[in-house]
C-alpha atoms as a PDB file:
ATOM      1  CA  MET A   1       0.000   0.000   0.000  1.00  0.00           C
ATOM      2  CA  THR A   2       1.313   3.418  -0.885  1.00  0.00           C
ATOM      3  CA  SER A   3       0.726   6.491   1.188  1.00  0.00           C
ATOM      4  CA  THR A   4       1.439  10.008   0.127  1.00  0.00           C
ATOM      5  CA  SER A   5       2.476  12.695   2.499  1.00  0.00           C
ATOM      6  CA  ARG A   6       2.849  16.325   1.741  1.00  0.00           C
ATOM      7  CA  ALA A   7       5.519  18.438   3.316  1.00  0.00           C
ATOM      8  CA  ALA A   8       4.539  21.943   4.292  1.00  0.00           C
ATOM      9  CA  PHE A   9       5.906  24.643   2.020  1.00  0.00           C
ATOM     10  CA  PRO A  10       8.671  26.540   3.845  1.00  0.00           C
ATOM     11  CA  ALA A  11       7.601  29.903   5.218  1.00  0.00           C
ATOM     12  CA  GLY A  12      11.081  31.416   5.046  1.00  0.00           C
ATOM     13  CA  THR A  13      14.115  31.445   2.847  1.00  0.00           C
ATOM     14  CA  ILE A  14      17.833  31.116   3.309  1.00  0.00           C
ATOM     15  CA  LEU A  15      19.322  34.510   4.128  1.00  0.00           C
ATOM     16  CA  GLY A  16      21.671  34.505   1.143  1.00  0.00           C
ATOM     17  CA  TYR A  17      19.030  33.332  -1.305  1.00  0.00           C
ATOM     18  CA  PRO A  18      17.757  36.105  -3.568  1.00  0.00           C
ATOM     19  CA  ARG A  19      14.105  37.010  -3.126  1.00  0.00           C
ATOM     20  CA  ILE A  20      11.944  38.919  -5.556  1.00  0.00           C
ATOM     21  CA  GLY A  21       9.105  39.540  -3.135  1.00  0.00           C
ATOM     22  CA  ARG A  22       5.803  37.834  -2.582  1.00  0.00           C
ATOM     23  CA  ARG A  23       4.255  39.673  -5.513  1.00  0.00           C
ATOM     24  CA  ARG A  24       7.420  39.821  -7.652  1.00  0.00           C
ATOM     25  CA  GLU A  25       8.133  43.388  -6.553  1.00  0.00           C
ATOM     26  CA  LEU A  26      11.857  43.249  -7.350  1.00  0.00           C
ATOM     27  CA  LYS A  27      11.235  41.900 -10.850  1.00  0.00           C
ATOM     28  CA  LYS A  28       8.789  44.716 -11.543  1.00  0.00           C
ATOM     29  CA  ALA A  29      11.191  47.310 -10.118  1.00  0.00           C
ATOM     30  CA  VAL A  30      14.082  46.046 -12.270  1.00  0.00           C
ATOM     31  CA  GLU A  31      11.950  46.030 -15.407  1.00  0.00           C
ATOM     32  CA  SER A  32      10.737  49.548 -14.620  1.00  0.00           C
ATOM     33  CA  PHE A  33      14.357  50.669 -14.224  1.00  0.00           C
ATOM     34  CA  TRP A  34      15.335  49.058 -17.523  1.00  0.00           C
ATOM     35  CA  ALA A  35      12.441  50.847 -19.227  1.00  0.00           C
ATOM     36  CA  GLY A  36      13.677  54.162 -17.833  1.00  0.00           C
ATOM     37  CA  ALA A  37      10.546  54.734 -15.754  1.00  0.00           C
ATOM     38  CA  THR A  38      12.384  54.731 -12.396  1.00  0.00           C
ATOM     39  CA  THR A  39      15.816  55.744 -11.143  1.00  0.00           C
ATOM     40  CA  ALA A  40      18.621  53.626  -9.741  1.00  0.00           C
ATOM     41  CA  ASP A  41      17.907  55.100  -6.303  1.00  0.00           C
ATOM     42  CA  GLU A  42      14.287  53.926  -6.471  1.00  0.00           C
ATOM     43  CA  LEU A  43      15.420  50.461  -7.543  1.00  0.00           C
ATOM     44  CA  GLU A  44      17.897  50.263  -4.662  1.00  0.00           C
ATOM     45  CA  SER A  45      15.226  51.454  -2.240  1.00  0.00           C
ATOM     46  CA  THR A  46      12.849  48.720  -3.394  1.00  0.00           C
ATOM     47  CA  ALA A  47      15.574  46.072  -3.115  1.00  0.00           C
ATOM     48  CA  ALA A  48      16.558  47.267   0.366  1.00  0.00           C
ATOM     49  CA  GLY A  49      12.938  47.165   1.500  1.00  0.00           C
ATOM     50  CA  LEU A  50      12.534  43.602   0.244  1.00  0.00           C
ATOM     51  CA  ARG A  51      15.743  42.504   1.975  1.00  0.00           C
ATOM     52  CA  ALA A  52      14.540  44.069   5.228  1.00  0.00           C
ATOM     53  CA  ALA A  53      11.144  42.383   4.907  1.00  0.00           C
ATOM     54  CA  THR A  54      12.819  39.009   4.315  1.00  0.00           C
ATOM     55  CA  ARG A  55      15.055  39.402   7.388  1.00  0.00           C
ATOM     56  CA  GLU A  56      12.051  40.431   9.464  1.00  0.00           C
ATOM     57  CA  ARG A  57      10.033  37.429   8.315  1.00  0.00           C
ATOM     58  CA  LEU A  58      12.860  34.983   9.030  1.00  0.00           C
END
């Protein structure tokens, strides 16, 4: 008889692992920067906010 068990999806990530955000915020920020719609400072601010949120969640 075969039984299947499902492991819970991890709630956190490894600190060094890159995260793009729960709603792909970093991807959208990078694409906006590439399109010239935002500045490098805005991109860095978004990335810093996502890193802080990840550390807080872990």
